[in-house]
PDB file of N, CA and C in Angstrom:
ATOM      1  N   MET A   1       0.834  -1.183   0.000  1.00  0.00           N
ATOM      2  CA  MET A   1       0.000   0.000   0.000  1.00  0.00           C
ATOM      3  C   MET A   1       0.878   1.245   0.000  1.00  0.00           C
ATOM      4  N   SER A   2       0.373   2.271  -0.615  1.00  0.00           N
ATOM      5  CA  SER A   2       1.121   3.518  -0.658  1.00  0.00           C
ATOM      6  C   SER A   2       0.408   4.558   0.209  1.00  0.00           C
ATOM      7  N   ASN A   3       0.953   5.751   0.240  1.00  0.00           N
ATOM      8  CA  ASN A   3       0.350   6.818   1.021  1.00  0.00           C
ATOM      9  C   ASN A   3      -0.701   7.594   0.247  1.00  0.00           C
ATOM     10  N   ASP A   4      -1.112   7.106  -0.915  1.00  0.00           N
ATOM     11  CA  ASP A   4      -2.152   7.778  -1.678  1.00  0.00           C
ATOM     12  C   ASP A   4      -3.494   7.605  -0.969  1.00  0.00           C
ATOM     13  N   PRO A   5      -4.275   8.683  -0.854  1.00  0.00           N
ATOM     14  CA  PRO A   5      -5.574   8.553  -0.185  1.00  0.00           C
ATOM     15  C   PRO A   5      -6.567   7.770  -1.039  1.00  0.00           C
ATOM     16  N   VAL A   6      -7.449   7.055  -0.373  1.00  0.00           N
ATOM     17  CA  VAL A   6      -8.559   6.364  -1.022  1.00  0.00           C
ATOM     18  C   VAL A   6      -9.840   7.053  -0.580  1.00  0.00           C
ATOM     19  N   ILE A   7     -10.892   6.904  -1.362  1.00  0.00           N
ATOM     20  CA  ILE A   7     -12.152   7.606  -1.123  1.00  0.00           C
ATOM     21  C   ILE A   7     -13.138   6.646  -0.463  1.00  0.00           C
ATOM     22  N   GLY A   8     -13.898   7.175   0.484  1.00  0.00           N
ATOM     23  CA  GLY A   8     -14.910   6.387   1.163  1.00  0.00           C
ATOM     24  C   GLY A   8     -16.038   7.263   1.658  1.00  0.00           C
ATOM     25  N   ILE A   9     -17.061   6.623   2.229  1.00  0.00           N
ATOM     26  CA  ILE A   9     -18.230   7.317   2.758  1.00  0.00           C
ATOM     27  C   ILE A   9     -18.361   6.979   4.237  1.00  0.00           C
ATOM     28  N   VAL A  10     -18.589   7.999   5.057  1.00  0.00           N
ATOM     29  CA  VAL A  10     -18.731   7.802   6.502  1.00  0.00           C
ATOM     30  C   VAL A  10     -20.055   7.096   6.771  1.00  0.00           C
ATOM     31  N   GLN A  11     -19.982   5.939   7.449  1.00  0.00           N
ATOM     32  CA  GLN A  11     -21.165   5.140   7.755  1.00  0.00           C
ATOM     33  C   GLN A  11     -21.668   5.354   9.174  1.00  0.00           C
ATOM     34  N   GLU A  12     -20.717   5.577  10.116  1.00  0.00           N
ATOM     35  CA  GLU A  12     -21.098   5.655  11.524  1.00  0.00           C
ATOM     36  C   GLU A  12     -20.097   6.533  12.269  1.00  0.00           C
ATOM     37  N   SER A  13     -20.593   7.269  13.238  1.00  0.00           N
ATOM     38  CA  SER A  13     -19.747   8.086  14.098  1.00  0.00           C
ATOM     39  C   SER A  13     -19.579   7.358  15.424  1.00  0.00           C
ATOM     40  N   LEU A  14     -18.335   7.183  15.853  1.00  0.00           N
ATOM     41  CA  LEU A  14     -18.023   6.472  17.091  1.00  0.00           C
ATOM     42  C   LEU A  14     -17.456   7.473  18.100  1.00  0.00           C
ATOM     43  N   PRO A  15     -17.347   7.094  19.369  1.00  0.00           N
ATOM     44  CA  PRO A  15     -16.798   8.026  20.369  1.00  0.00           C
ATOM     45  C   PRO A  15     -15.355   8.425  20.063  1.00  0.00           C
ATOM     46  N   SER A  16     -14.966   9.575  20.605  1.00  0.00           N
ATOM     47  CA  SER A  16     -13.604  10.134  20.531  1.00  0.00           C
ATOM     48  C   SER A  16     -13.117  10.325  19.100  1.00  0.00           C
ATOM     49  N   THR A  17     -13.936  10.946  18.291  1.00  0.00           N
ATOM     50  CA  THR A  17     -13.653  11.303  16.892  1.00  0.00           C
ATOM     51  C   THR A  17     -13.177  10.127  16.043  1.00  0.00           C
ATOM     52  N   LEU A  18     -13.753   8.966  16.267  1.00  0.00           N
ATOM     53  CA  LEU A  18     -13.533   7.814  15.399  1.00  0.00           C
ATOM     54  C   LEU A  18     -14.736   7.668  14.478  1.00  0.00           C
ATOM     55  N   PHE A  19     -14.489   7.161  13.282  1.00  0.00           N
ATOM     56  CA  PHE A  19     -15.550   6.991  12.305  1.00  0.00           C
ATOM     57  C   PHE A  19     -15.406   5.645  11.609  1.00  0.00           C
ATOM     58  N   ARG A  20     -16.531   5.025  11.289  1.00  0.00           N
ATOM     59  CA  ARG A  20     -16.532   3.818  10.461  1.00  0.00           C
ATOM     60  C   ARG A  20     -16.772   4.278   9.033  1.00  0.00           C
ATOM     61  N   VAL A  21     -15.837   3.944   8.145  1.00  0.00           N
ATOM     62  CA  VAL A  21     -15.878   4.413   6.765  1.00  0.00           C
ATOM     63  C   VAL A  21     -15.924   3.209   5.836  1.00  0.00           C
ATOM     64  N   LYS A  22     -16.829   3.256   4.878  1.00  0.00           N
ATOM     65  CA  LYS A  22     -16.899   2.214   3.850  1.00  0.00           C
ATOM     66  C   LYS A  22     -16.187   2.748   2.614  1.00  0.00           C
ATOM     67  N   LEU A  23     -15.116   2.085   2.236  1.00  0.00           N
ATOM     68  CA  LEU A  23     -14.320   2.513   1.089  1.00  0.00           C
ATOM     69  C   LEU A  23     -15.015   2.145  -0.210  1.00  0.00           C
ATOM     70  N   ASP A  24     -14.600   2.770  -1.298  1.00  0.00           N
ATOM     71  CA  ASP A  24     -15.190   2.468  -2.607  1.00  0.00           C
ATOM     72  C   ASP A  24     -14.942   1.024  -3.020  1.00  0.00           C
ATOM     73  N   SER A  25     -13.909   0.406  -2.458  1.00  0.00           N
ATOM     74  CA  SER A  25     -13.616  -0.993  -2.773  1.00  0.00           C
ATOM     75  C   SER A  25     -14.532  -1.958  -2.029  1.00  0.00           C
ATOM     76  N   GLY A  26     -15.372  -1.437  -1.105  1.00  0.00           N
ATOM     77  CA  GLY A  26     -16.290  -2.274  -0.355  1.00  0.00           C
ATOM     78  C   GLY A  26     -15.797  -2.626   1.037  1.00  0.00           C
ATOM     79  N   GLN A  27     -14.560  -2.325   1.348  1.00  0.00           N
ATOM     80  CA  GLN A  27     -13.970  -2.631   2.644  1.00  0.00           C
ATOM     81  C   GLN A  27     -14.413  -1.596   3.680  1.00  0.00           C
ATOM     82  N   GLU A  28     -14.666  -2.038   4.926  1.00  0.00           N
ATOM     83  CA  GLU A  28     -15.004  -1.120   5.999  1.00  0.00           C
ATOM     84  C   GLU A  28     -13.826  -0.989   6.940  1.00  0.00           C
ATOM     85  N   VAL A  29     -13.464   0.258   7.281  1.00  0.00           N
ATOM     86  CA  VAL A  29     -12.335   0.516   8.173  1.00  0.00           C
ATOM     87  C   VAL A  29     -12.765   1.533   9.226  1.00  0.00           C
ATOM     88  N   ILE A  30     -12.019   1.571  10.331  1.00  0.00           N
ATOM     89  CA  ILE A  30     -12.230   2.562  11.372  1.00  0.00           C
ATOM     90  C   ILE A  30     -11.141   3.611  11.233  1.00  0.00           C
ATOM     91  N   CYS A  31     -11.536   4.890  11.252  1.00  0.00           N
ATOM     92  CA  CYS A  31     -10.612   5.986  10.998  1.00  0.00           C
ATOM     93  C   CYS A  31     -10.716   7.029  12.099  1.00  0.00           C
ATOM     94  N   TYR A  32      -9.645   7.792  12.240  1.00  0.00           N
ATOM     95  CA  TYR A  32      -9.662   8.941  13.142  1.00  0.00           C
ATOM     96  C   TYR A  32      -9.384  10.191  12.325  1.00  0.00           C
ATOM     97  N   LEU A  33      -9.684  11.350  12.902  1.00  0.00           N
ATOM     98  CA  LEU A  33      -9.466  12.621  12.210  1.00  0.00           C
ATOM     99  C   LEU A  33      -7.996  12.998  12.258  1.00  0.00           C
ATOM    100  N   ALA A  34      -7.478  13.487  11.157  1.00  0.00           N
ATOM    101  CA  ALA A  34      -6.103  13.977  11.106  1.00  0.00           C
ATOM    102  C   ALA A  34      -5.993  15.249  11.944  1.00  0.00           C
ATOM    103  N   GLY A  35      -4.796  15.544  12.391  1.00  0.00           N
ATOM    104  CA  GLY A  35      -4.560  16.683  13.263  1.00  0.00           C
ATOM    105  C   GLY A  35      -4.965  18.008  12.661  1.00  0.00           C
ATOM    106  N   LYS A  36      -4.695  18.225  11.372  1.00  0.00           N
ATOM    107  CA  LYS A  36      -5.058  19.484  10.717  1.00  0.00           C
ATOM    108  C   LYS A  36      -6.577  19.673  10.680  1.00  0.00           C
ATOM    109  N   MET A  37      -7.323  18.581  10.566  1.00  0.00           N
ATOM    110  CA  MET A  37      -8.781  18.697  10.565  1.00  0.00           C
ATOM    111  C   MET A  37      -9.286  19.078  11.951  1.00  0.00           C
ATOM    112  N   ARG A  38      -8.622  18.595  12.998  1.00  0.00           N
ATOM    113  CA  ARG A  38      -9.001  18.979  14.360  1.00  0.00           C
ATOM    114  C   ARG A  38      -8.639  20.433  14.633  1.00  0.00           C
ATOM    115  N   VAL A  39      -7.445  20.850  14.207  1.00  0.00           N
ATOM    116  CA  VAL A  39      -6.983  22.213  14.449  1.00  0.00           C
ATOM    117  C   VAL A  39      -7.901  23.227  13.775  1.00  0.00           C
ATOM    118  N   HIS A  40      -8.320  22.955  12.549  1.00  0.00           N
ATOM    119  CA  HIS A  40      -9.162  23.879  11.793  1.00  0.00           C
ATOM    120  C   HIS A  40     -10.647  23.640  12.004  1.00  0.00           C
ATOM    121  N   ASN A  41     -10.988  22.746  12.948  1.00  0.00           N
ATOM    122  CA  ASN A  41     -12.364  22.509  13.379  1.00  0.00           C
ATOM    123  C   ASN A  41     -13.274  22.111  12.216  1.00  0.00           C
ATOM    124  N   ILE A  42     -12.815  21.196  11.381  1.00  0.00           N
ATOM    125  CA  ILE A  42     -13.601  20.711  10.246  1.00  0.00           C
ATOM    126  C   ILE A  42     -14.480  19.563  10.719  1.00  0.00           C
ATOM    127  N   LYS A  43     -15.770  19.697  10.511  1.00  0.00           N
ATOM    128  CA  LYS A  43     -16.727  18.695  10.967  1.00  0.00           C
ATOM    129  C   LYS A  43     -16.917  17.620   9.899  1.00  0.00           C
ATOM    130  N   VAL A  44     -17.083  16.395  10.343  1.00  0.00           N
ATOM    131  CA  VAL A  44     -17.374  15.272   9.457  1.00  0.00           C
ATOM    132  C   VAL A  44     -18.703  14.682   9.899  1.00  0.00           C
ATOM    133  N   LEU A  45     -19.632  14.546   8.957  1.00  0.00           N
ATOM    134  CA  LEU A  45     -20.969  14.060   9.260  1.00  0.00           C
ATOM    135  C   LEU A  45     -21.224  12.737   8.564  1.00  0.00           C
ATOM    136  N   LEU A  46     -22.283  12.055   8.970  1.00  0.00           N
ATOM    137  CA  LEU A  46     -22.661  10.803   8.327  1.00  0.00           C
ATOM    138  C   LEU A  46     -22.985  11.052   6.859  1.00  0.00           C
ATOM    139  N   GLY A  47     -22.517  10.187   5.992  1.00  0.00           N
ATOM    140  CA  GLY A  47     -22.777  10.316   4.567  1.00  0.00           C
ATOM    141  C   GLY A  47     -21.761  11.151   3.819  1.00  0.00           C
ATOM    142  N   ASP A  48     -20.822  11.775   4.513  1.00  0.00           N
ATOM    143  CA  ASP A  48     -19.794  12.578   3.847  1.00  0.00           C
ATOM    144  C   ASP A  48     -18.813  11.691   3.096  1.00  0.00           C
ATOM    145  N   ARG A  49     -18.374  12.168   1.929  1.00  0.00           N
ATOM    146  CA  ARG A  49     -17.287  11.500   1.215  1.00  0.00           C
ATOM    147  C   ARG A  49     -15.985  12.050   1.748  1.00  0.00           C
ATOM    148  N   VAL A  50     -15.068  11.159   2.104  1.00  0.00           N
ATOM    149  CA  VAL A  50     -13.805  11.569   2.713  1.00  0.00           C
ATOM    150  C   VAL A  50     -12.643  10.862   2.030  1.00  0.00           C
ATOM    151  N   ALA A  51     -11.469  11.481   2.129  1.00  0.00           N
ATOM    152  CA  ALA A  51     -10.231  10.867   1.659  1.00  0.00           C
ATOM    153  C   ALA A  51      -9.530  10.269   2.871  1.00  0.00           C
ATOM    154  N   VAL A  52      -9.129   9.006   2.765  1.00  0.00           N
ATOM    155  CA  VAL A  52      -8.552   8.260   3.886  1.00  0.00           C
ATOM    156  C   VAL A  52      -7.174   7.754   3.478  1.00  0.00           C
ATOM    157  N   ILE A  53      -6.209   7.912   4.384  1.00  0.00           N
ATOM    158  CA  ILE A  53      -4.894   7.304   4.182  1.00  0.00           C
ATOM    159  C   ILE A  53      -4.852   6.043   5.024  1.00  0.00           C
ATOM    160  N   LEU A  54      -4.640   4.913   4.371  1.00  0.00           N
ATOM    161  CA  LEU A  54      -4.616   3.627   5.060  1.00  0.00           C
ATOM    162  C   LEU A  54      -3.249   3.370   5.673  1.00  0.00           C
ATOM    163  N   ASP A  55      -3.240   2.811   6.876  1.00  0.00           N
ATOM    164  CA  ASP A  55      -2.004   2.454   7.563  1.00  0.00           C
ATOM    165  C   ASP A  55      -1.653   1.016   7.204  1.00  0.00           C
ATOM    166  N   PRO A  56      -0.530   0.782   6.536  1.00  0.00           N
ATOM    167  CA  PRO A  56      -0.208  -0.576   6.091  1.00  0.00           C
ATOM    168  C   PRO A  56       0.185  -1.509   7.235  1.00  0.00           C
ATOM    169  N   TYR A  57       0.497  -0.983   8.406  1.00  0.00           N
ATOM    170  CA  TYR A  57       0.992  -1.819   9.494  1.00  0.00           C
ATOM    171  C   TYR A  57      -0.095  -2.271  10.450  1.00  0.00           C
ATOM    172  N   ARG A  58      -1.086  -1.420  10.710  1.00  0.00           N
ATOM    173  CA  ARG A  58      -2.105  -1.759  11.698  1.00  0.00           C
ATOM    174  C   ARG A  58      -3.434  -2.156  11.090  1.00  0.00           C
ATOM    175  N   GLY A  59      -3.508  -2.263   9.791  1.00  0.00           N
ATOM    176  CA  GLY A  59      -4.700  -2.796   9.144  1.00  0.00           C
ATOM    177  C   GLY A  59      -5.926  -1.913   9.250  1.00  0.00           C
ATOM    178  N   LYS A  60      -7.020  -2.455   9.788  1.00  0.00           N
ATOM    179  CA  LYS A  60      -8.306  -1.782   9.766  1.00  0.00           C
ATOM    180  C   LYS A  60      -8.529  -0.828  10.931  1.00  0.00           C
ATOM    181  N   THR A  61      -7.598  -0.723  11.876  1.00  0.00           N
ATOM    182  CA  THR A  61      -7.898   0.008  13.097  1.00  0.00           C
ATOM    183  C   THR A  61      -7.301   1.405  13.164  1.00  0.00           C
ATOM    184  N   SER A  62      -6.283   1.707  12.400  1.00  0.00           N
ATOM    185  CA  SER A  62      -5.623   2.999  12.559  1.00  0.00           C
ATOM    186  C   SER A  62      -5.434   3.675  11.211  1.00  0.00           C
ATOM    187  N   ASN A  63      -6.510   4.192  10.675  1.00  0.00           N
ATOM    188  CA  ASN A  63      -6.477   4.895   9.401  1.00  0.00           C
ATOM    189  C   ASN A  63      -6.874   6.340   9.650  1.00  0.00           C
ATOM    190  N   ARG A  64      -6.439   7.236   8.765  1.00  0.00           N
ATOM    191  CA  ARG A  64      -6.573   8.670   9.002  1.00  0.00           C
ATOM    192  C   ARG A  64      -7.459   9.320   7.951  1.00  0.00           C
ATOM    193  N   ILE A  65      -8.437  10.103   8.392  1.00  0.00           N
ATOM    194  CA  ILE A  65      -9.238  10.923   7.481  1.00  0.00           C
ATOM    195  C   ILE A  65      -8.485  12.226   7.273  1.00  0.00           C
ATOM    196  N   VAL A  66      -8.091  12.500   6.030  1.00  0.00           N
ATOM    197  CA  VAL A  66      -7.270  13.678   5.758  1.00  0.00           C
ATOM    198  C   VAL A  66      -8.017  14.788   5.028  1.00  0.00           C
ATOM    199  N   ARG A  67      -9.171  14.475   4.450  1.00  0.00           N
ATOM    200  CA  ARG A  67      -9.889  15.507   3.701  1.00  0.00           C
ATOM    201  C   ARG A  67     -11.371  15.131   3.601  1.00  0.00           C
ATOM    202  N   ARG A  68     -12.198  16.159   3.682  1.00  0.00           N
ATOM    203  CA  ARG A  68     -13.631  15.982   3.446  1.00  0.00           C
ATOM    204  C   ARG A  68     -13.911  16.468   2.035  1.00  0.00           C
ATOM    205  N   LEU A  69     -14.543  15.618   1.234  1.00  0.00           N
ATOM    206  CA  LEU A  69     -14.761  15.967  -0.180  1.00  0.00           C
ATOM    207  C   LEU A  69     -16.148  16.521  -0.433  1.00  0.00           C
TER     208      LEU A  69
END
């Protein structure tokens, strides 16, 4: 896997700014908000299309939402 973002749709909001995201490939992953999104107070809602950077080492549990589309 590379550091290129993949596109997905937010399915569920979990506690402590975690989100369940369904990727365009059909895979479901759990993501957290990137630091810049927290600093600039960007809100993510259910149904939003987001760009996600997948972590190749921790699999489905530690992926980062880097942009709201």
